[in-house]
Amino acid sequence: MAEIEHDPTLAPPAEAIHLPEPSYMPITLAFGITIALVGILTWWPVIAIGLIIVVVILVRWIRSTREQISELPLEHH
């Protein structure tokens, strides 16, 4: 793989770009919603299982996002 050389006449970037870490939470949330919807058609305990998954994942996702936001420099808040 060839090494990329940057143009020395260009100014350096003004700030670093923050990207969130890879996460399993979006697919797990979709799975919980799917289970809850299937439960509507089948049996009410399946709805409860799906909703429990949805609530747990939403709480964990919000907590994770708040932790990542608190790690950003102050000018990003």
Protein backbone atom coordinates (compact mmCIF):
# COMPACT_ATOMS: atom_id res chain seq x y z
CA MET A 1 0.00 0.00 0.00
CA ALA A 2 1.40 3.40 -1.00
CA GLU A 3 1.98 5.99 1.67
CA ILE A 4 -0.08 9.16 1.32
CA GLU A 5 1.83 12.42 1.39
CA HIS A 6 0.05 15.60 2.37
CA ASP A 7 0.55 18.91 0.64
CA PRO A 8 2.84 20.97 2.93
CA THR A 9 1.27 24.23 1.70
CA LEU A 10 -2.11 23.33 3.23
CA ALA A 11 -2.94 24.52 6.72
CA PRO A 12 -3.34 21.82 9.38
CA PRO A 13 -6.91 20.92 10.34
CA ALA A 14 -8.56 23.34 12.76
CA GLU A 15 -9.81 20.62 15.09
CA ALA A 16 -9.77 16.87 15.48
CA ILE A 17 -12.79 14.96 14.27
CA HIS A 18 -14.41 12.81 16.94
CA LEU A 19 -16.00 9.59 15.75
CA PRO A 20 -17.92 7.32 18.12
CA GLU A 21 -16.61 3.83 18.75
CA PRO A 22 -18.21 0.88 16.96
CA SER A 23 -21.22 -0.35 18.88
CA TYR A 24 -23.52 -3.35 19.04
CA MET A 25 -26.34 -1.21 20.44
CA PRO A 26 -28.12 -0.19 17.19
CA ILE A 27 -28.55 -3.78 16.02
CA THR A 28 -29.58 -4.92 19.50
CA LEU A 29 -32.16 -2.13 19.70
CA ALA A 30 -33.55 -3.18 16.32
CA PHE A 31 -33.66 -6.78 17.57
CA GLY A 32 -35.62 -5.74 20.69
CA ILE A 33 -38.10 -3.73 18.65
CA THR A 34 -38.53 -6.66 16.27
CA ILE A 35 -39.20 -9.05 19.15
CA ALA A 36 -41.75 -6.64 20.63
CA LEU A 37 -43.54 -6.34 17.29
CA VAL A 38 -43.58 -10.11 16.83
CA GLY A 39 -45.01 -10.34 20.34
CA ILE A 40 -47.97 -8.23 19.27
CA LEU A 41 -48.87 -10.98 16.81
CA THR A 42 -48.07 -13.94 19.04
CA TRP A 43 -48.04 -13.80 22.83
CA TRP A 44 -47.92 -10.92 25.33
CA PRO A 45 -44.83 -12.16 27.27
CA VAL A 46 -42.86 -11.84 24.04
CA ILE A 47 -43.83 -8.15 23.95
CA ALA A 48 -42.51 -7.78 27.50
CA ILE A 49 -39.18 -9.41 26.59
CA GLY A 50 -38.79 -7.14 23.57
CA LEU A 51 -39.64 -4.02 25.57
CA ILE A 52 -37.19 -4.97 28.32
CA ILE A 53 -34.44 -5.32 25.70
CA VAL A 54 -35.39 -1.94 24.19
CA VAL A 55 -35.35 -0.13 27.55
CA VAL A 56 -32.07 -1.69 28.68
CA ILE A 57 -30.31 -0.89 25.40
CA LEU A 58 -31.66 2.69 25.32
CA VAL A 59 -30.42 3.33 28.87
CA ARG A 60 -26.98 1.86 28.08
CA TRP A 61 -26.75 3.78 24.79
CA ILE A 62 -27.67 7.10 26.42
CA ARG A 63 -25.20 6.47 29.26
CA SER A 64 -22.44 5.62 26.77
CA THR A 65 -23.17 8.74 24.73
CA ARG A 66 -23.12 10.96 27.81
CA GLU A 67 -19.74 9.51 28.83
CA GLN A 68 -18.31 10.14 25.37
CA ILE A 69 -19.64 13.70 25.33
CA SER A 70 -18.11 14.40 28.74
CA GLU A 71 -14.70 13.36 27.37
CA LEU A 72 -14.81 15.96 24.59
CA PRO A 73 -12.90 19.25 25.02
CA LEU A 74 -14.93 22.04 26.63
CA GLU A 75 -15.37 24.03 23.40
CA HIS A 76 -17.42 21.13 21.97
CA HIS A 77 -20.17 21.26 24.61
